[in-house]
Amino acid sequence: MGRLKRKRAGGFAPPRMHHDMGGQPAGKVTPKEHAYADWEMRVDALVMLMRRHGLTVDESRKNIEALPPEQYDRMGYYDRWVASLAQTLIQRGIVTTEDIARKMQEVQARGRAKV
C-alpha cells in the first residue's frame, strides 16, 4: 500500500508545522500514570473553568501551535497550556502583557522571600 500523502481538496498541501508529528518516526510511547504537580492541576482547573466561559479547544490549540519551535520543544505539556491560556486572555482583552509581567514579578518576589 502506498504512503499516505498530505493533500487537501484542490491539490494544495499546507507545509507541515513544527508541532505536527503525525506519521513521523518518534520512538515508542509508553503511557504511564504519574502524580501531577500542584501547578499542573491548577492549570488544568483554569483551562476547564475557561471552557465553561467560552474557551474552545480550537482556540487553545491555535495558540499552542503558534509557539515558536524552540519554545515549543523547551516546554512541557502544561507549560504549553499556560502559554496558550495567557495568549487567549490577551487576545480577548481580559489582561495585558503588562498585567502578566507585573504578576510574574510578584510571584518571583514571593519565591525569593521564601528562600
PDB file of N, CA and C in Angstrom:
ATOM      1  N   MET A   1       0.845  -1.166   0.000  1.00  0.00           N
ATOM      2  CA  MET A   1       0.000   0.000   0.000  1.00  0.00           C
ATOM      3  C   MET A   1       0.898   1.239   0.000  1.00  0.00           C
ATOM      4  N   GLY A   2       0.557   2.216  -0.792  1.00  0.00           N
ATOM      5  CA  GLY A   2       1.363   3.425  -0.924  1.00  0.00           C
ATOM      6  C   GLY A   2       1.309   4.307   0.316  1.00  0.00           C
ATOM      7  N   ARG A   3       2.266   5.192   0.396  1.00  0.00           N
ATOM      8  CA  ARG A   3       2.353   6.116   1.522  1.00  0.00           C
ATOM      9  C   ARG A   3       1.240   7.167   1.427  1.00  0.00           C
ATOM     10  N   LEU A   4       0.611   7.451   2.544  1.00  0.00           N
ATOM     11  CA  LEU A   4      -0.452   8.436   2.604  1.00  0.00           C
ATOM     12  C   LEU A   4       0.134   9.827   2.382  1.00  0.00           C
ATOM     13  N   LYS A   5      -0.441  10.587   1.490  1.00  0.00           N
ATOM     14  CA  LYS A   5       0.062  11.923   1.203  1.00  0.00           C
ATOM     15  C   LYS A   5      -0.860  12.968   1.804  1.00  0.00           C
ATOM     16  N   ARG A   6      -0.241  14.051   2.283  1.00  0.00           N
ATOM     17  CA  ARG A   6      -0.993  15.173   2.836  1.00  0.00           C
ATOM     18  C   ARG A   6      -1.490  16.018   1.665  1.00  0.00           C
ATOM     19  N   LYS A   7      -2.789  16.008   1.475  1.00  0.00           N
ATOM     20  CA  LYS A   7      -3.323  16.796   0.375  1.00  0.00           C
ATOM     21  C   LYS A   7      -4.743  17.223   0.719  1.00  0.00           C
ATOM     22  N   ARG A   8      -5.043  18.464   0.438  1.00  0.00           N
ATOM     23  CA  ARG A   8      -6.404  18.969   0.616  1.00  0.00           C
ATOM     24  C   ARG A   8      -7.089  19.023  -0.730  1.00  0.00           C
ATOM     25  N   ALA A   9      -8.384  19.312  -0.690  1.00  0.00           N
ATOM     26  CA  ALA A   9      -9.131  19.471  -1.930  1.00  0.00           C
ATOM     27  C   ALA A   9      -8.435  20.504  -2.805  1.00  0.00           C
ATOM     28  N   GLY A  10      -8.339  20.258  -4.068  1.00  0.00           N
ATOM     29  CA  GLY A  10      -7.682  21.167  -4.981  1.00  0.00           C
ATOM     30  C   GLY A  10      -6.196  20.899  -5.113  1.00  0.00           C
ATOM     31  N   GLY A  11      -5.676  19.901  -4.399  1.00  0.00           N
ATOM     32  CA  GLY A  11      -4.280  19.516  -4.540  1.00  0.00           C
ATOM     33  C   GLY A  11      -3.301  20.300  -3.694  1.00  0.00           C
ATOM     34  N   PHE A  12      -3.750  21.238  -2.897  1.00  0.00           N
ATOM     35  CA  PHE A  12      -2.843  22.030  -2.071  1.00  0.00           C
ATOM     36  C   PHE A  12      -2.590  21.339  -0.743  1.00  0.00           C
ATOM     37  N   ALA A  13      -1.333  21.143  -0.419  1.00  0.00           N
ATOM     38  CA  ALA A  13      -0.957  20.567   0.876  1.00  0.00           C
ATOM     39  C   ALA A  13      -0.190  21.629   1.657  1.00  0.00           C
ATOM     40  N   PRO A  14      -0.742  22.092   2.776  1.00  0.00           N
ATOM     41  CA  PRO A  14      -0.026  23.108   3.552  1.00  0.00           C
ATOM     42  C   PRO A  14       1.268  22.522   4.120  1.00  0.00           C
ATOM     43  N   PRO A  15       2.265  23.365   4.344  1.00  0.00           N
ATOM     44  CA  PRO A  15       3.512  22.841   4.904  1.00  0.00           C
ATOM     45  C   PRO A  15       3.288  22.275   6.300  1.00  0.00           C
ATOM     46  N   ARG A  16       4.029  21.263   6.622  1.00  0.00           N
ATOM     47  CA  ARG A  16       3.942  20.647   7.942  1.00  0.00           C
ATOM     48  C   ARG A  16       4.517  21.620   8.959  1.00  0.00           C
ATOM     49  N   MET A  17       3.760  21.866  10.020  1.00  0.00           N
ATOM     50  CA  MET A  17       4.244  22.752  11.070  1.00  0.00           C
ATOM     51  C   MET A  17       5.095  21.951  12.053  1.00  0.00           C
ATOM     52  N   HIS A  18       5.893  22.659  12.828  1.00  0.00           N
ATOM     53  CA  HIS A  18       6.853  22.028  13.730  1.00  0.00           C
ATOM     54  C   HIS A  18       6.214  21.024  14.687  1.00  0.00           C
ATOM     55  N   HIS A  19       5.068  21.363  15.245  1.00  0.00           N
ATOM     56  CA  HIS A  19       4.418  20.512  16.247  1.00  0.00           C
ATOM     57  C   HIS A  19       3.759  19.276  15.640  1.00  0.00           C
ATOM     58  N   ASP A  20       3.552  19.255  14.322  1.00  0.00           N
ATOM     59  CA  ASP A  20       2.826  18.186  13.650  1.00  0.00           C
ATOM     60  C   ASP A  20       3.720  16.968  13.477  1.00  0.00           C
ATOM     61  N   MET A  21       3.565  15.993  14.368  1.00  0.00           N
ATOM     62  CA  MET A  21       4.397  14.793  14.336  1.00  0.00           C
ATOM     63  C   MET A  21       3.684  13.615  13.673  1.00  0.00           C
ATOM     64  N   GLY A  22       2.466  13.831  13.204  1.00  0.00           N
ATOM     65  CA  GLY A  22       1.689  12.749  12.611  1.00  0.00           C
ATOM     66  C   GLY A  22       2.436  12.034  11.504  1.00  0.00           C
ATOM     67  N   GLY A  23       2.609  10.737  11.650  1.00  0.00           N
ATOM     68  CA  GLY A  23       3.261   9.924  10.640  1.00  0.00           C
ATOM     69  C   GLY A  23       4.784   9.958  10.680  1.00  0.00           C
ATOM     70  N   GLN A  24       5.359  10.759  11.574  1.00  0.00           N
ATOM     71  CA  GLN A  24       6.811  10.859  11.676  1.00  0.00           C
ATOM     72  C   GLN A  24       7.330   9.844  12.691  1.00  0.00           C
ATOM     73  N   PRO A  25       8.522   9.308  12.475  1.00  0.00           N
ATOM     74  CA  PRO A  25       9.082   8.407  13.478  1.00  0.00           C
ATOM     75  C   PRO A  25       9.424   9.200  14.744  1.00  0.00           C
ATOM     76  N   ALA A  26       8.942   8.752  15.876  1.00  0.00           N
ATOM     77  CA  ALA A  26       9.183   9.476  17.132  1.00  0.00           C
ATOM     78  C   ALA A  26       9.535   8.532  18.270  1.00  0.00           C
ATOM     79  N   GLY A  27       9.714   7.280  17.968  1.00  0.00           N
ATOM     80  CA  GLY A  27      10.021   6.326  19.028  1.00  0.00           C
ATOM     81  C   GLY A  27       8.753   5.820  19.697  1.00  0.00           C
ATOM     82  N   LYS A  28       8.942   4.866  20.563  1.00  0.00           N
ATOM     83  CA  LYS A  28       7.829   4.234  21.244  1.00  0.00           C
ATOM     84  C   LYS A  28       7.309   5.138  22.370  1.00  0.00           C
ATOM     85  N   VAL A  29       6.011   5.220  22.481  1.00  0.00           N
ATOM     86  CA  VAL A  29       5.376   5.963  23.566  1.00  0.00           C
ATOM     87  C   VAL A  29       4.863   4.951  24.575  1.00  0.00           C
ATOM     88  N   THR A  30       5.309   5.080  25.805  1.00  0.00           N
ATOM     89  CA  THR A  30       4.853   4.197  26.867  1.00  0.00           C
ATOM     90  C   THR A  30       4.015   5.012  27.842  1.00  0.00           C
ATOM     91  N   PRO A  31       2.695   4.926  27.714  1.00  0.00           N
ATOM     92  CA  PRO A  31       1.859   5.704  28.628  1.00  0.00           C
ATOM     93  C   PRO A  31       1.977   5.164  30.048  1.00  0.00           C
ATOM     94  N   LYS A  32       2.036   6.090  31.003  1.00  0.00           N
ATOM     95  CA  LYS A  32       2.092   5.669  32.398  1.00  0.00           C
ATOM     96  C   LYS A  32       1.452   6.748  33.262  1.00  0.00           C
ATOM     97  N   GLU A  33       0.849   6.305  34.311  1.00  0.00           N
ATOM     98  CA  GLU A  33       0.264   7.236  35.270  1.00  0.00           C
ATOM     99  C   GLU A  33       1.371   7.845  36.104  1.00  0.00           C
ATOM    100  N   HIS A  34       1.174   9.064  36.496  1.00  0.00           N
ATOM    101  CA  HIS A  34       2.150   9.736  37.353  1.00  0.00           C
ATOM    102  C   HIS A  34       1.434  10.782  38.191  1.00  0.00           C
ATOM    103  N   ALA A  35       2.073  11.192  39.235  1.00  0.00           N
ATOM    104  CA  ALA A  35       1.495  12.226  40.090  1.00  0.00           C
ATOM    105  C   ALA A  35       1.667  13.573  39.403  1.00  0.00           C
ATOM    106  N   TYR A  36       0.652  14.396  39.486  1.00  0.00           N
ATOM    107  CA  TYR A  36       0.711  15.732  38.904  1.00  0.00           C
ATOM    108  C   TYR A  36       1.133  16.730  39.966  1.00  0.00           C
ATOM    109  N   ALA A  37       1.955  17.678  39.557  1.00  0.00           N
ATOM    110  CA  ALA A  37       2.354  18.754  40.462  1.00  0.00           C
ATOM    111  C   ALA A  37       1.140  19.650  40.727  1.00  0.00           C
ATOM    112  N   ASP A  38       1.147  20.335  41.857  1.00  0.00           N
ATOM    113  CA  ASP A  38       0.033  21.224  42.192  1.00  0.00           C
ATOM    114  C   ASP A  38      -0.230  22.235  41.081  1.00  0.00           C
ATOM    115  N   TRP A  39       0.841  22.810  40.512  1.00  0.00           N
ATOM    116  CA  TRP A  39       0.642  23.836  39.486  1.00  0.00           C
ATOM    117  C   TRP A  39       0.005  23.246  38.233  1.00  0.00           C
ATOM    118  N   GLU A  40       0.300  21.986  37.923  1.00  0.00           N
ATOM    119  CA  GLU A  40      -0.307  21.346  36.758  1.00  0.00           C
ATOM    120  C   GLU A  40      -1.805  21.148  36.971  1.00  0.00           C
ATOM    121  N   MET A  41      -2.186  20.764  38.172  1.00  0.00           N
ATOM    122  CA  MET A  41      -3.608  20.596  38.471  1.00  0.00           C
ATOM    123  C   MET A  41      -4.330  21.947  38.436  1.00  0.00           C
ATOM    124  N   ARG A  42      -3.650  23.004  38.874  1.00  0.00           N
ATOM    125  CA  ARG A  42      -4.250  24.344  38.825  1.00  0.00           C
ATOM    126  C   ARG A  42      -4.445  24.803  37.384  1.00  0.00           C
ATOM    127  N   VAL A  43      -3.449  24.530  36.539  1.00  0.00           N
ATOM    128  CA  VAL A  43      -3.565  24.898  35.132  1.00  0.00           C
ATOM    129  C   VAL A  43      -4.735  24.157  34.500  1.00  0.00           C
ATOM    130  N   ASP A  44      -4.850  22.876  34.770  1.00  0.00           N
ATOM    131  CA  ASP A  44      -5.952  22.083  34.238  1.00  0.00           C
ATOM    132  C   ASP A  44      -7.287  22.674  34.694  1.00  0.00           C
ATOM    133  N   ALA A  45      -7.383  23.026  35.976  1.00  0.00           N
ATOM    134  CA  ALA A  45      -8.623  23.608  36.506  1.00  0.00           C
ATOM    135  C   ALA A  45      -8.939  24.944  35.842  1.00  0.00           C
ATOM    136  N   LEU A  46      -7.924  25.780  35.644  1.00  0.00           N
ATOM    137  CA  LEU A  46      -8.142  27.074  34.982  1.00  0.00           C
ATOM    138  C   LEU A  46      -8.659  26.898  33.562  1.00  0.00           C
ATOM    139  N   VAL A  47      -8.059  25.971  32.835  1.00  0.00           N
ATOM    140  CA  VAL A  47      -8.493  25.734  31.463  1.00  0.00           C
ATOM    141  C   VAL A  47      -9.926  25.203  31.448  1.00  0.00           C
ATOM    142  N   MET A  48     -10.258  24.283  32.337  1.00  0.00           N
ATOM    143  CA  MET A  48     -11.627  23.759  32.389  1.00  0.00           C
ATOM    144  C   MET A  48     -12.622  24.872  32.762  1.00  0.00           C
ATOM    145  N   LEU A  49     -12.237  25.732  33.677  1.00  0.00           N
ATOM    146  CA  LEU A  49     -13.086  26.869  34.052  1.00  0.00           C
ATOM    147  C   LEU A  49     -13.295  27.797  32.856  1.00  0.00           C
ATOM    148  N   MET A  50     -12.223  28.084  32.140  1.00  0.00           N
ATOM    149  CA  MET A  50     -12.340  28.948  30.961  1.00  0.00           C
ATOM    150  C   MET A  50     -13.187  28.304  29.867  1.00  0.00           C
ATOM    151  N   ARG A  51     -13.178  26.984  29.784  1.00  0.00           N
ATOM    152  CA  ARG A  51     -14.029  26.306  28.788  1.00  0.00           C
ATOM    153  C   ARG A  51     -15.501  26.556  29.091  1.00  0.00           C
ATOM    154  N   ARG A  52     -15.836  26.660  30.373  1.00  0.00           N
ATOM    155  CA  ARG A  52     -17.219  26.981  30.750  1.00  0.00           C
ATOM    156  C   ARG A  52     -17.593  28.408  30.360  1.00  0.00           C
ATOM    157  N   HIS A  53     -16.562  29.217  30.103  1.00  0.00           N
ATOM    158  CA  HIS A  53     -16.786  30.619  29.738  1.00  0.00           C
ATOM    159  C   HIS A  53     -16.398  30.905  28.293  1.00  0.00           C
ATOM    160  N   GLY A  54     -16.450  29.867  27.468  1.00  0.00           N
ATOM    161  CA  GLY A  54     -16.307  30.066  26.031  1.00  0.00           C
ATOM    162  C   GLY A  54     -14.972  29.727  25.401  1.00  0.00           C
ATOM    163  N   LEU A  55     -13.961  29.368  26.189  1.00  0.00           N
ATOM    164  CA  LEU A  55     -12.686  28.954  25.599  1.00  0.00           C
ATOM    165  C   LEU A  55     -12.921  27.661  24.828  1.00  0.00           C
ATOM    166  N   THR A  56     -12.481  27.639  23.585  1.00  0.00           N
ATOM    167  CA  THR A  56     -12.664  26.431  22.781  1.00  0.00           C
ATOM    168  C   THR A  56     -11.357  25.657  22.660  1.00  0.00           C
ATOM    169  N   VAL A  57     -11.477  24.389  22.370  1.00  0.00           N
ATOM    170  CA  VAL A  57     -10.302  23.556  22.135  1.00  0.00           C
ATOM    171  C   VAL A  57      -9.528  24.113  20.947  1.00  0.00           C
ATOM    172  N   ASP A  58     -10.247  24.560  19.922  1.00  0.00           N
ATOM    173  CA  ASP A  58      -9.591  25.119  18.743  1.00  0.00           C
ATOM    174  C   ASP A  58      -8.770  26.347  19.092  1.00  0.00           C
ATOM    175  N   GLU A  59      -9.310  27.206  19.953  1.00  0.00           N
ATOM    176  CA  GLU A  59      -8.591  28.414  20.365  1.00  0.00           C
ATOM    177  C   GLU A  59      -7.320  28.052  21.135  1.00  0.00           C
ATOM    178  N   SER A  60      -7.443  27.099  22.054  1.00  0.00           N
ATOM    179  CA  SER A  60      -6.278  26.654  22.810  1.00  0.00           C
ATOM    180  C   SER A  60      -5.225  26.055  21.884  1.00  0.00           C
ATOM    181  N   ARG A  61      -5.672  25.201  21.010  1.00  0.00           N
ATOM    182  CA  ARG A  61      -4.762  24.521  20.091  1.00  0.00           C
ATOM    183  C   ARG A  61      -4.055  25.509  19.164  1.00  0.00           C
ATOM    184  N   LYS A  62      -4.800  26.490  18.654  1.00  0.00           N
ATOM    185  CA  LYS A  62      -4.219  27.501  17.762  1.00  0.00           C
ATOM    186  C   LYS A  62      -3.062  28.221  18.450  1.00  0.00           C
ATOM    187  N   ASN A  63      -3.252  28.580  19.718  1.00  0.00           N
ATOM    188  CA  ASN A  63      -2.206  29.305  20.434  1.00  0.00           C
ATOM    189  C   ASN A  63      -1.024  28.410  20.808  1.00  0.00           C
ATOM    190  N   ILE A  64      -1.276  27.139  21.041  1.00  0.00           N
ATOM    191  CA  ILE A  64      -0.166  26.209  21.284  1.00  0.00           C
ATOM    192  C   ILE A  64       0.626  26.008  19.996  1.00  0.00           C
ATOM    193  N   GLU A  65      -0.077  25.826  18.890  1.00  0.00           N
ATOM    194  CA  GLU A  65       0.587  25.589  17.611  1.00  0.00           C
ATOM    195  C   GLU A  65       1.332  26.827  17.106  1.00  0.00           C
ATOM    196  N   ALA A  66       0.999  27.998  17.629  1.00  0.00           N
ATOM    197  CA  ALA A  66       1.664  29.241  17.220  1.00  0.00           C
ATOM    198  C   ALA A  66       2.986  29.463  17.960  1.00  0.00           C
ATOM    199  N   LEU A  67       3.278  28.638  18.957  1.00  0.00           N
ATOM    200  CA  LEU A  67       4.544  28.792  19.681  1.00  0.00           C
ATOM    201  C   LEU A  67       5.718  28.562  18.734  1.00  0.00           C
ATOM    202  N   PRO A  68       6.770  29.374  18.858  1.00  0.00           N
ATOM    203  CA  PRO A  68       7.960  29.129  18.031  1.00  0.00           C
ATOM    204  C   PRO A  68       8.545  27.747  18.330  1.00  0.00           C
ATOM    205  N   PRO A  69       9.122  27.079  17.317  1.00  0.00           N
ATOM    206  CA  PRO A  69       9.632  25.718  17.510  1.00  0.00           C
ATOM    207  C   PRO A  69      10.559  25.554  18.707  1.00  0.00           C
ATOM    208  N   GLU A  70      11.504  26.479  18.907  1.00  0.00           N
ATOM    209  CA  GLU A  70      12.439  26.325  20.027  1.00  0.00           C
ATOM    210  C   GLU A  70      11.712  26.446  21.370  1.00  0.00           C
ATOM    211  N   GLN A  71      10.703  27.289  21.427  1.00  0.00           N
ATOM    212  CA  GLN A  71       9.932  27.430  22.664  1.00  0.00           C
ATOM    213  C   GLN A  71       9.052  26.191  22.873  1.00  0.00           C
ATOM    214  N   TYR A  72       8.404  25.740  21.814  1.00  0.00           N
ATOM    215  CA  TYR A  72       7.552  24.553  21.878  1.00  0.00           C
ATOM    216  C   TYR A  72       8.342  23.347  22.385  1.00  0.00           C
ATOM    217  N   ASP A  73       9.549  23.148  21.848  1.00  0.00           N
ATOM    218  CA  ASP A  73      10.374  21.999  22.233  1.00  0.00           C
ATOM    219  C   ASP A  73      10.856  22.086  23.676  1.00  0.00           C
ATOM    220  N   ARG A  74      11.079  23.293  24.161  1.00  0.00           N
ATOM    221  CA  ARG A  74      11.593  23.502  25.514  1.00  0.00           C
ATOM    222  C   ARG A  74      10.498  23.314  26.567  1.00  0.00           C
ATOM    223  N   MET A  75       9.250  23.487  26.168  1.00  0.00           N
ATOM    224  CA  MET A  75       8.141  23.469  27.119  1.00  0.00           C
ATOM    225  C   MET A  75       7.549  22.080  27.280  1.00  0.00           C
ATOM    226  N   GLY A  76       6.998  21.855  28.461  1.00  0.00           N
ATOM    227  CA  GLY A  76       6.245  20.640  28.712  1.00  0.00           C
ATOM    228  C   GLY A  76       4.774  20.854  28.375  1.00  0.00           C
ATOM    229  N   TYR A  77       4.006  19.809  28.528  1.00  0.00           N
ATOM    230  CA  TYR A  77       2.588  19.818  28.182  1.00  0.00           C
ATOM    231  C   TYR A  77       1.835  20.957  28.865  1.00  0.00           C
ATOM    232  N   TYR A  78       1.915  21.049  30.178  1.00  0.00           N
ATOM    233  CA  TYR A  78       1.166  22.082  30.893  1.00  0.00           C
ATOM    234  C   TYR A  78       1.789  23.464  30.729  1.00  0.00           C
ATOM    235  N   ASP A  79       3.085  23.539  30.461  1.00  0.00           N
ATOM    236  CA  ASP A  79       3.706  24.824  30.140  1.00  0.00           C
ATOM    237  C   ASP A  79       3.058  25.407  28.881  1.00  0.00           C
ATOM    238  N   ARG A  80       2.808  24.542  27.905  1.00  0.00           N
ATOM    239  CA  ARG A  80       2.157  24.993  26.667  1.00  0.00           C
ATOM    240  C   ARG A  80       0.732  25.440  26.946  1.00  0.00           C
ATOM    241  N   TRP A  81       0.040  24.746  27.834  1.00  0.00           N
ATOM    242  CA  TRP A  81      -1.317  25.153  28.192  1.00  0.00           C
ATOM    243  C   TRP A  81      -1.316  26.542  28.827  1.00  0.00           C
ATOM    244  N   VAL A  82      -0.349  26.800  29.722  1.00  0.00           N
ATOM    245  CA  VAL A  82      -0.266  28.113  30.375  1.00  0.00           C
ATOM    246  C   VAL A  82      -0.022  29.190  29.326  1.00  0.00           C
ATOM    247  N   ALA A  83       0.917  28.955  28.428  1.00  0.00           N
ATOM    248  CA  ALA A  83       1.224  29.935  27.387  1.00  0.00           C
ATOM    249  C   ALA A  83       0.000  30.201  26.516  1.00  0.00           C
ATOM    250  N   SER A  84      -0.710  29.149  26.156  1.00  0.00           N
ATOM    251  CA  SER A  84      -1.906  29.294  25.337  1.00  0.00           C
ATOM    252  C   SER A  84      -2.997  30.058  26.074  1.00  0.00           C
ATOM    253  N   LEU A  85      -3.192  29.734  27.338  1.00  0.00           N
ATOM    254  CA  LEU A  85      -4.219  30.420  28.126  1.00  0.00           C
ATOM    255  C   LEU A  85      -3.888  31.896  28.269  1.00  0.00           C
ATOM    256  N   ALA A  86      -2.632  32.210  28.550  1.00  0.00           N
ATOM    257  CA  ALA A  86      -2.218  33.611  28.671  1.00  0.00           C
ATOM    258  C   ALA A  86      -2.458  34.347  27.352  1.00  0.00           C
ATOM    259  N   GLN A  87      -2.081  33.731  26.245  1.00  0.00           N
ATOM    260  CA  GLN A  87      -2.275  34.360  24.936  1.00  0.00           C
ATOM    261  C   GLN A  87      -3.755  34.580  24.647  1.00  0.00           C
ATOM    262  N   THR A  88      -4.590  33.633  24.998  1.00  0.00           N
ATOM    263  CA  THR A  88      -6.025  33.767  24.792  1.00  0.00           C
ATOM    264  C   THR A  88      -6.581  34.930  25.609  1.00  0.00           C
ATOM    265  N   LEU A  89      -6.165  35.035  26.870  1.00  0.00           N
ATOM    266  CA  LEU A  89      -6.642  36.132  27.715  1.00  0.00           C
ATOM    267  C   LEU A  89      -6.201  37.484  27.167  1.00  0.00           C
ATOM    268  N   ILE A  90      -4.994  37.543  26.602  1.00  0.00           N
ATOM    269  CA  ILE A  90      -4.512  38.779  25.977  1.00  0.00           C
ATOM    270  C   ILE A  90      -5.331  39.085  24.727  1.00  0.00           C
ATOM    271  N   GLN A  91      -5.540  38.085  23.886  1.00  0.00           N
ATOM    272  CA  GLN A  91      -6.285  38.283  22.641  1.00  0.00           C
ATOM    273  C   GLN A  91      -7.719  38.731  22.900  1.00  0.00           C
ATOM    274  N   ARG A  92      -8.301  38.269  23.981  1.00  0.00           N
ATOM    275  CA  ARG A  92      -9.676  38.646  24.311  1.00  0.00           C
ATOM    276  C   ARG A  92      -9.762  39.968  25.068  1.00  0.00           C
ATOM    277  N   GLY A  93      -8.619  40.550  25.396  1.00  0.00           N
ATOM    278  CA  GLY A  93      -8.606  41.831  26.090  1.00  0.00           C
ATOM    279  C   GLY A  93      -8.915  41.735  27.572  1.00  0.00           C
ATOM    280  N   ILE A  94      -8.792  40.544  28.136  1.00  0.00           N
ATOM    281  CA  ILE A  94      -9.077  40.338  29.563  1.00  0.00           C
ATOM    282  C   ILE A  94      -7.901  40.809  30.413  1.00  0.00           C
ATOM    283  N   VAL A  95      -6.683  40.544  29.930  1.00  0.00           N
ATOM    284  CA  VAL A  95      -5.464  41.012  30.584  1.00  0.00           C
ATOM    285  C   VAL A  95      -4.541  41.581  29.513  1.00  0.00           C
ATOM    286  N   THR A  96      -3.518  42.293  29.955  1.00  0.00           N
ATOM    287  CA  THR A  96      -2.496  42.806  29.039  1.00  0.00           C
ATOM    288  C   THR A  96      -1.181  42.095  29.330  1.00  0.00           C
ATOM    289  N   THR A  97      -0.243  42.239  28.431  1.00  0.00           N
ATOM    290  CA  THR A  97       1.076  41.666  28.687  1.00  0.00           C
ATOM    291  C   THR A  97       1.694  42.329  29.917  1.00  0.00           C
ATOM    292  N   GLU A  98       1.386  43.605  30.135  1.00  0.00           N
ATOM    293  CA  GLU A  98       1.897  44.307  31.315  1.00  0.00           C
ATOM    294  C   GLU A  98       1.309  43.706  32.596  1.00  0.00           C
ATOM    295  N   ASP A  99       0.018  43.360  32.564  1.00  0.00           N
ATOM    296  CA  ASP A  99      -0.612  42.713  33.729  1.00  0.00           C
ATOM    297  C   ASP A  99       0.107  41.407  34.064  1.00  0.00           C
ATOM    298  N   ILE A 100       0.371  40.622  33.039  1.00  0.00           N
ATOM    299  CA  ILE A 100       1.031  39.327  33.254  1.00  0.00           C
ATOM    300  C   ILE A 100       2.455  39.536  33.759  1.00  0.00           C
ATOM    301  N   ALA A 101       3.184  40.473  33.169  1.00  0.00           N
ATOM    302  CA  ALA A 101       4.565  40.740  33.603  1.00  0.00           C
ATOM    303  C   ALA A 101       4.591  41.192  35.061  1.00  0.00           C
ATOM    304  N   ARG A 102       3.660  42.052  35.425  1.00  0.00           N
ATOM    305  CA  ARG A 102       3.593  42.538  36.812  1.00  0.00           C
ATOM    306  C   ARG A 102       3.315  41.381  37.779  1.00  0.00           C
ATOM    307  N   LYS A 103       2.391  40.531  37.428  1.00  0.00           N
ATOM    308  CA  LYS A 103       2.053  39.387  38.279  1.00  0.00           C
ATOM    309  C   LYS A 103       3.225  38.421  38.382  1.00  0.00           C
ATOM    310  N   MET A 104       3.935  38.205  37.286  1.00  0.00           N
ATOM    311  CA  MET A 104       5.103  37.323  37.313  1.00  0.00           C
ATOM    312  C   MET A 104       6.172  37.876  38.253  1.00  0.00           C
ATOM    313  N   GLN A 105       6.364  39.180  38.253  1.00  0.00           N
ATOM    314  CA  GLN A 105       7.329  39.799  39.164  1.00  0.00           C
ATOM    315  C   GLN A 105       6.899  39.586  40.615  1.00  0.00           C
ATOM    316  N   GLU A 106       5.602  39.712  40.897  1.00  0.00           N
ATOM    317  CA  GLU A 106       5.090  39.480  42.256  1.00  0.00           C
ATOM    318  C   GLU A 106       5.345  38.035  42.688  1.00  0.00           C
ATOM    319  N   VAL A 107       5.071  37.110  41.811  1.00  0.00           N
ATOM    320  CA  VAL A 107       5.263  35.687  42.127  1.00  0.00           C
ATOM    321  C   VAL A 107       6.747  35.391  42.357  1.00  0.00           C
ATOM    322  N   GLN A 108       7.613  35.931  41.504  1.00  0.00           N
ATOM    323  CA  GLN A 108       9.050  35.720  41.674  1.00  0.00           C
ATOM    324  C   GLN A 108       9.538  36.314  42.994  1.00  0.00           C
ATOM    325  N   ALA A 109       9.027  37.483  43.358  1.00  0.00           N
ATOM    326  CA  ALA A 109       9.434  38.118  44.619  1.00  0.00           C
ATOM    327  C   ALA A 109       8.992  37.272  45.813  1.00  0.00           C
ATOM    328  N   ARG A 110       7.803  36.695  45.747  1.00  0.00           N
ATOM    329  CA  ARG A 110       7.343  35.806  46.834  1.00  0.00           C
ATOM    330  C   ARG A 110       8.241  34.586  46.937  1.00  0.00           C
ATOM    331  N   GLY A 111       8.649  34.040  45.792  1.00  0.00           N
ATOM    332  CA  GLY A 111       9.540  32.878  45.790  1.00  0.00           C
ATOM    333  C   GLY A 111      10.888  33.194  46.400  1.00  0.00           C
ATOM    334  N   ARG A 112      11.426  34.362  46.098  1.00  0.00           N
ATOM    335  CA  ARG A 112      12.707  34.761  46.664  1.00  0.00           C
ATOM    336  C   ARG A 112      12.581  35.016  48.165  1.00  0.00           C
ATOM    337  N   ALA A 113      11.443  35.526  48.611  1.00  0.00           N
ATOM    338  CA  ALA A 113      11.242  35.823  50.036  1.00  0.00           C
ATOM    339  C   ALA A 113      11.183  34.533  50.868  1.00  0.00           C
ATOM    340  N   LYS A 114      10.752  33.433  50.271  1.00  0.00           N
ATOM    341  CA  LYS A 114      10.651  32.158  50.979  1.00  0.00           C
ATOM    342  C   LYS A 114      12.004  31.514  51.218  1.00  0.00           C
ATOM    343  N   VAL A 115      12.982  31.873  50.400  1.00  0.00           N
ATOM    344  CA  VAL A 115      14.303  31.231  50.469  1.00  0.00           C
ATOM    345  C   VAL A 115      15.124  31.768  51.579  1.00  0.00           C
TER     346      VAL A 115
END
